Amino acid sequence: MPKPYTIRLFILDGNPNSLKIIDKMNWTGIGLEVSRDSWSKHKNRKEFDQAGIYILFGYAEDSDLPVVYIGQGDGIRTRIDSHDKNKDFWDKVLVFISSNNGLNRAHITWLEWSLIKKAQEINRCKLDNNATPNEPILTESEKADTQEFLNEILSILPLVEIRVFEKAQKMHVSNDEQSKNKNIRDTIIVPAQEDGFKEVFLKQNSWYAIRLSAGKLKDIKYIAAYQTAPVSAITHYAEVESIEPYGDGGKYKINFKGSARKIGPIVFGNAKKGTLQGPRYTTFEKLQKAKELNNL
């Protein structure tokens, strides 16, 4: 069962975007979050001489999901120095070490293996690791202690805005009790280019990565696809089954109850240029009656 806990953040130089030192009561570990642009300033700290585990975190231009690299080392400084020269995507690094030098090579390799395995299972990030290490052999007591160290790391990560190791919680949508207020905009219209429309909207019965305000989540019951030029029309819609977080940046994935159905087409018509460069909302009643975008 989850239990309450307290985490302390020490902002060494008064800038929360530079260096955070993280600890918990009765934990033998220490966490450090360092931004990439301040790495050269803080890298000579003694903590980076020790054995530990680290997580590089950032975004790449070709991915809606955050990009993560998980590594370990007997001395972390040289590893991160190398990544500073050779990896472009990351903008911060999370480092976890033992406060009493209690982690050895087997422990940190097990932590690396476990975090990579968890990230692969959860699938909320793009892993930059080229290979997955084999699970190292630990004694029963060592494995229990290292698992507890891992649990402490996982309890800290969401509080420094890294949620890629948490299973996304789906919000299931029900249409059994339709709102009596027909003015509620219960349908989201999303622009879709040809490849994404065919491979995701039609084949995967889903759509992502959509930035939604929390206040709209409870209202969305349907999704419609506006195919961009040369089609330039809304051609399909689907009933929404569930909505879940996608990645780690406030975006969502919408899952359909079944295959998308044809509608319209509802043509662009005389709508203003740029009308559907991003998601838009309407009512399902209007969607069923519309002939062109201005009707929505």
Protein backbone atom coordinates (compact mmCIF):
# COMPACT_ATOMS: atom_id res chain seq x y z
CA MET A 1 0.00 0.00 0.00
CA PRO A 2 1.26 3.53 -0.74
CA LYS A 3 2.47 5.35 2.35
CA PRO A 4 3.14 9.03 3.04
CA TYR A 5 6.69 10.28 2.72
CA THR A 6 8.69 13.50 2.72
CA ILE A 7 11.32 14.51 0.19
CA ARG A 8 13.71 17.39 0.80
CA LEU A 9 15.10 19.49 -2.04
CA PHE A 10 18.17 21.62 -1.42
CA ILE A 11 18.72 24.30 -4.06
CA LEU A 12 22.42 24.94 -3.65
CA ASP A 13 22.83 28.19 -5.59
CA GLY A 14 19.27 29.49 -5.31
CA ASN A 15 18.45 28.58 -8.91
CA PRO A 16 16.03 25.61 -9.08
CA ASN A 17 16.91 25.08 -12.75
CA SER A 18 20.60 24.53 -11.98
CA LEU A 19 21.18 21.93 -9.25
CA LYS A 20 18.85 20.14 -6.86
CA ILE A 21 20.10 17.84 -4.11
CA ILE A 22 17.39 15.35 -3.10
CA ASP A 23 17.14 13.21 0.00
CA LYS A 24 14.57 11.34 2.07
CA MET A 25 14.41 10.59 5.75
CA ASN A 26 15.82 7.11 6.56
CA TRP A 27 17.13 6.56 3.01
CA THR A 28 20.76 5.68 2.36
CA GLY A 29 20.72 7.33 -1.05
CA ILE A 30 21.15 10.83 -2.43
CA GLY A 31 19.73 12.19 -5.68
CA LEU A 32 21.05 15.08 -7.72
CA GLU A 33 19.32 16.79 -10.62
CA VAL A 34 21.67 18.87 -12.78
CA SER A 35 20.70 20.86 -15.85
CA ARG A 36 22.91 20.38 -18.86
CA ASP A 37 23.89 24.02 -19.08
CA SER A 38 25.12 23.95 -15.48
CA TRP A 39 26.89 20.57 -15.66
CA SER A 40 30.33 22.13 -16.16
CA LYS A 41 29.76 24.30 -13.08
CA HIS A 42 28.81 21.43 -10.75
CA LYS A 43 30.53 18.36 -12.20
CA ASN A 44 33.49 18.46 -9.79
CA ARG A 45 31.30 17.73 -6.78
CA LYS A 46 32.53 14.70 -4.85
CA GLU A 47 29.22 12.84 -5.37
CA PHE A 48 30.12 12.28 -9.03
CA ASP A 49 33.25 10.34 -8.01
CA GLN A 50 31.09 7.54 -6.63
CA ALA A 51 29.37 4.52 -8.14
CA GLY A 52 25.80 5.26 -9.10
CA ILE A 53 23.00 5.28 -11.61
CA TYR A 54 22.03 8.18 -13.86
CA ILE A 55 19.18 9.13 -16.19
CA LEU A 56 19.59 11.57 -19.08
CA PHE A 57 16.28 13.24 -19.95
CA GLY A 58 15.20 15.49 -22.80
CA TYR A 59 13.39 15.72 -26.12
CA ALA A 60 14.33 15.20 -29.76
CA GLU A 61 12.83 16.96 -32.75
CA ASP A 62 11.63 13.69 -34.32
CA SER A 63 9.81 12.35 -31.22
CA ASP A 64 6.66 13.36 -29.35
CA LEU A 65 7.83 11.20 -26.47
CA PRO A 66 10.63 12.26 -24.13
CA VAL A 67 14.01 10.68 -24.84
CA VAL A 68 15.76 8.87 -22.00
CA TYR A 69 19.16 7.27 -21.58
CA ILE A 70 19.85 5.14 -18.49
CA GLY A 71 23.42 4.43 -17.45
CA GLN A 72 25.70 3.59 -14.55
CA GLY A 73 29.34 3.89 -13.63
CA ASP A 74 31.87 3.43 -10.85
CA GLY A 75 32.58 7.13 -11.32
CA ILE A 76 29.70 8.94 -12.95
CA ARG A 77 31.50 12.14 -13.93
CA THR A 78 33.41 10.71 -16.89
CA ARG A 79 30.29 9.03 -18.27
CA ILE A 80 28.24 12.24 -18.19
CA ASP A 81 31.16 14.23 -19.60
CA SER A 82 31.15 11.84 -22.56
CA HIS A 83 27.39 12.24 -23.04
CA ASP A 84 27.77 16.02 -22.89
CA LYS A 85 29.99 15.76 -25.98
CA ASN A 86 28.16 13.00 -27.86
CA LYS A 87 24.43 13.14 -27.06
CA ASP A 88 22.40 16.16 -28.12
CA PHE A 89 18.91 15.37 -26.81
CA TRP A 90 19.25 15.72 -23.04
CA ASP A 91 18.71 18.87 -21.04
CA LYS A 92 19.03 17.45 -17.52
CA VAL A 93 20.50 14.46 -15.74
CA LEU A 94 19.30 12.69 -12.59
CA VAL A 95 22.04 10.98 -10.57
CA PHE A 96 21.51 8.56 -7.66
CA ILE A 97 24.30 7.39 -5.38
CA SER A 98 24.63 5.86 -1.93
CA SER A 99 25.35 8.23 0.94
CA ASN A 100 27.50 5.53 2.61
CA ASN A 101 29.25 4.14 -0.50
CA GLY A 102 27.06 1.06 -0.24
CA LEU A 103 26.55 0.54 -3.99
CA ASN A 104 28.96 -1.71 -5.89
CA ARG A 105 29.17 -2.60 -9.59
CA ALA A 106 26.62 -5.43 -9.28
CA HIS A 107 24.13 -3.15 -7.51
CA ILE A 108 24.33 -0.32 -10.08
CA THR A 109 24.19 -2.77 -12.99
CA TRP A 110 21.04 -4.27 -11.48
CA LEU A 111 19.53 -0.79 -11.07
CA GLU A 112 20.41 0.04 -14.69
CA TRP A 113 18.90 -3.23 -15.92
CA SER A 114 15.75 -2.76 -13.85
CA LEU A 115 15.14 0.85 -14.96
CA ILE A 116 15.68 -0.01 -18.64
CA LYS A 117 13.32 -2.98 -18.33
CA LYS A 118 10.67 -0.83 -16.61
CA ALA A 119 10.94 1.94 -19.21
CA GLN A 120 10.50 -0.64 -21.99
CA GLU A 121 7.43 -2.13 -20.30
CA ILE A 122 5.77 1.24 -19.57
CA ASN A 123 6.60 2.58 -23.07
CA ARG A 124 6.17 6.28 -22.26
CA CYS A 125 9.56 7.35 -23.58
CA LYS A 126 11.99 6.74 -26.40
CA LEU A 127 14.99 4.87 -25.00
CA ASP A 128 18.36 5.98 -26.34
CA ASN A 129 20.07 2.85 -24.98
CA ASN A 130 21.36 0.60 -27.76
CA ALA A 131 21.53 -2.50 -25.59
CA THR A 132 19.93 -3.89 -22.46
CA PRO A 133 22.32 -5.41 -19.88
CA ASN A 134 21.67 -8.87 -18.55
CA GLU A 135 20.31 -9.07 -15.01
CA PRO A 136 23.32 -9.43 -12.70
CA ILE A 137 23.31 -12.17 -10.10
CA LEU A 138 22.75 -10.85 -6.57
CA THR A 139 22.28 -12.70 -3.34
CA GLU A 140 18.74 -12.78 -1.98
CA SER A 141 19.51 -10.12 0.62
CA GLU A 142 21.40 -7.90 -1.85
CA LYS A 143 18.53 -8.05 -4.30
CA ALA A 144 16.02 -7.10 -1.59
CA ASP A 145 18.13 -4.12 -0.53
CA THR A 146 18.72 -2.98 -4.12
CA GLN A 147 15.02 -3.31 -4.92
CA GLU A 148 14.26 -1.03 -1.97
CA PHE A 149 16.83 1.48 -3.27
CA LEU A 150 15.07 1.35 -6.65
CA ASN A 151 11.69 1.93 -4.99
CA GLU A 152 13.06 5.09 -3.39
CA ILE A 153 14.31 6.33 -6.78
CA LEU A 154 10.89 5.68 -8.34
CA SER A 155 9.17 7.62 -5.55
CA ILE A 156 11.38 10.64 -6.23
CA LEU A 157 11.22 10.83 -10.04
CA PRO A 158 7.61 12.11 -10.39
CA LEU A 159 8.43 14.96 -8.04
CA VAL A 160 11.17 16.15 -10.39
CA GLU A 161 8.79 15.84 -13.35
CA ILE A 162 9.91 12.47 -14.71
CA ARG A 163 6.95 10.12 -15.04
CA VAL A 164 8.13 7.76 -17.78
CA PHE A 165 8.50 4.91 -15.27
CA GLU A 166 4.86 5.18 -14.13
CA LYS A 167 2.10 3.29 -15.89
CA ALA A 168 -0.27 5.72 -17.60
CA GLN A 169 -3.66 5.76 -15.90
CA LYS A 170 -6.48 5.50 -18.42
CA MET A 171 -9.64 7.53 -17.92
CA HIS A 172 -12.47 5.44 -19.36
CA VAL A 173 -15.19 7.31 -21.20
CA SER A 174 -18.85 6.33 -21.00
CA ASN A 175 -21.63 7.49 -23.30
CA ASP A 176 -24.37 5.71 -21.36
CA GLU A 177 -25.56 8.95 -19.78
CA GLN A 178 -25.34 11.69 -22.35
CA SER A 179 -25.32 15.19 -20.95
CA LYS A 180 -28.63 17.01 -21.21
CA ASN A 181 -26.69 20.13 -22.13
CA LYS A 182 -26.25 19.80 -25.89
CA ASN A 183 -23.99 22.84 -25.94
CA ILE A 184 -21.11 20.93 -24.33
CA ARG A 185 -18.43 20.44 -26.95
CA ASP A 186 -17.94 16.69 -26.66
CA THR A 187 -16.08 16.14 -29.95
CA ILE A 188 -12.44 16.93 -30.70
CA ILE A 189 -11.34 17.47 -34.28
CA VAL A 190 -7.66 16.75 -34.99
CA PRO A 191 -5.65 17.59 -38.10
CA ALA A 192 -4.05 14.48 -39.62
CA GLN A 193 -1.52 14.12 -42.39
CA GLU A 194 -1.86 11.15 -44.74
CA ASP A 195 0.67 8.79 -43.13
CA GLY A 196 -0.51 9.40 -39.56
CA PHE A 197 -4.16 9.13 -40.60
CA LYS A 198 -3.69 5.73 -42.26
CA GLU A 199 -1.22 4.19 -39.83
CA VAL A 200 -2.61 5.49 -36.53
CA PHE A 201 -6.18 6.77 -36.84
CA LEU A 202 -7.36 3.90 -39.07
CA LYS A 203 -5.02 1.01 -38.17
CA GLN A 204 -4.27 1.60 -34.48
CA ASN A 205 -7.72 2.97 -33.55
CA SER A 206 -6.11 5.75 -31.57
CA TRP A 207 -4.58 9.22 -31.85
CA TYR A 208 -1.68 10.90 -30.07
CA ALA A 209 0.08 13.13 -28.95
CA ILE A 210 -2.69 15.64 -28.21
CA ARG A 211 -2.31 18.48 -25.74
CA LEU A 212 -5.56 18.67 -23.78
CA SER A 213 -6.57 20.89 -20.90
CA ALA A 214 -7.58 18.92 -17.82
CA GLY A 215 -10.98 20.62 -17.82
CA LYS A 216 -11.84 19.11 -21.23
CA LEU A 217 -10.99 15.49 -20.44
CA LYS A 218 -14.37 14.73 -18.88
CA ASP A 219 -16.28 16.13 -21.87
CA ILE A 220 -14.67 14.33 -24.82
CA LYS A 221 -16.82 11.52 -26.19
CA TYR A 222 -15.89 11.54 -29.90
CA ILE A 223 -12.89 12.31 -32.09
CA ALA A 224 -12.94 13.32 -35.76
CA ALA A 225 -10.05 13.45 -38.22
CA TYR A 226 -9.52 16.37 -40.57
CA GLN A 227 -7.29 15.14 -43.38
CA THR A 228 -4.94 17.89 -44.46
CA ALA A 229 -4.32 18.88 -48.09
CA PRO A 230 -4.96 17.62 -50.67
CA VAL A 231 -8.07 16.06 -49.03
CA SER A 232 -8.82 19.12 -46.84
CA ALA A 233 -11.89 17.63 -45.18
CA ILE A 234 -13.17 15.80 -42.11
CA THR A 235 -13.71 12.25 -43.37
CA HIS A 236 -13.84 9.93 -40.32
CA TYR A 237 -14.85 9.91 -36.66
CA ALA A 238 -14.73 7.45 -33.78
CA GLU A 239 -16.28 7.01 -30.37
CA VAL A 240 -13.76 7.44 -27.54
CA GLU A 241 -13.14 4.53 -25.18
CA SER A 242 -10.41 5.99 -22.97
CA ILE A 243 -7.88 8.81 -22.62
CA GLU A 244 -4.43 8.33 -21.11
CA PRO A 245 -1.27 10.40 -20.61
CA TYR A 246 1.17 10.10 -23.49
CA GLY A 247 4.82 10.59 -22.69
CA ASP A 248 5.81 13.08 -20.05
CA GLY A 249 4.88 16.47 -21.42
CA GLY A 250 1.19 17.01 -20.66
CA LYS A 251 -0.01 15.30 -23.82
CA TYR A 252 -2.58 12.53 -24.17
CA LYS A 253 -3.47 9.48 -26.23
CA ILE A 254 -7.11 8.91 -27.21
CA ASN A 255 -8.17 5.26 -27.65
CA PHE A 256 -11.22 4.41 -29.78
CA LYS A 257 -14.03 1.97 -28.95
CA GLY A 258 -13.79 0.51 -32.43
CA SER A 259 -12.78 1.29 -35.97
CA ALA A 260 -13.26 4.83 -37.25
CA ARG A 261 -16.40 5.45 -39.31
CA LYS A 262 -16.76 7.53 -42.43
CA ILE A 263 -18.55 10.86 -42.30
CA GLY A 264 -19.15 13.68 -44.76
CA PRO A 265 -16.77 14.65 -46.15
CA ILE A 266 -17.02 17.93 -44.27
CA VAL A 267 -15.00 20.17 -46.55
CA PHE A 268 -12.80 23.14 -45.65
CA GLY A 269 -15.04 25.46 -47.66
CA ASN A 270 -14.78 29.13 -46.73
CA ALA A 271 -13.14 28.60 -43.32
CA LYS A 272 -10.33 30.96 -42.37
CA LYS A 273 -6.80 29.93 -43.28
CA GLY A 274 -5.16 28.08 -40.39
CA THR A 275 -8.50 27.05 -38.84
CA LEU A 276 -7.34 23.48 -38.26
CA GLN A 277 -3.64 23.76 -37.60
CA GLY A 278 -4.35 22.34 -34.14
CA PRO A 279 -7.18 20.48 -32.35
CA ARG A 280 -10.60 22.12 -32.24
CA TYR A 281 -13.79 21.29 -30.33
CA THR A 282 -17.41 21.00 -31.44
CA THR A 283 -20.55 19.06 -30.54
CA PHE A 284 -21.33 15.65 -31.99
CA GLU A 285 -24.72 16.94 -33.08
CA LYS A 286 -23.08 19.65 -35.21
CA LEU A 287 -20.57 17.15 -36.60
CA GLN A 288 -23.38 14.91 -37.86
CA LYS A 289 -25.11 17.79 -39.66
CA ALA A 290 -22.14 19.78 -40.98
CA LYS A 291 -21.29 20.13 -44.68
CA GLU A 292 -18.24 22.37 -44.23
CA LEU A 293 -16.02 23.56 -41.41
CA ASN A 294 -17.89 26.83 -40.89
CA ASN A 295 -20.92 24.76 -39.80
CA LEU A 296 -18.92 23.60 -36.77
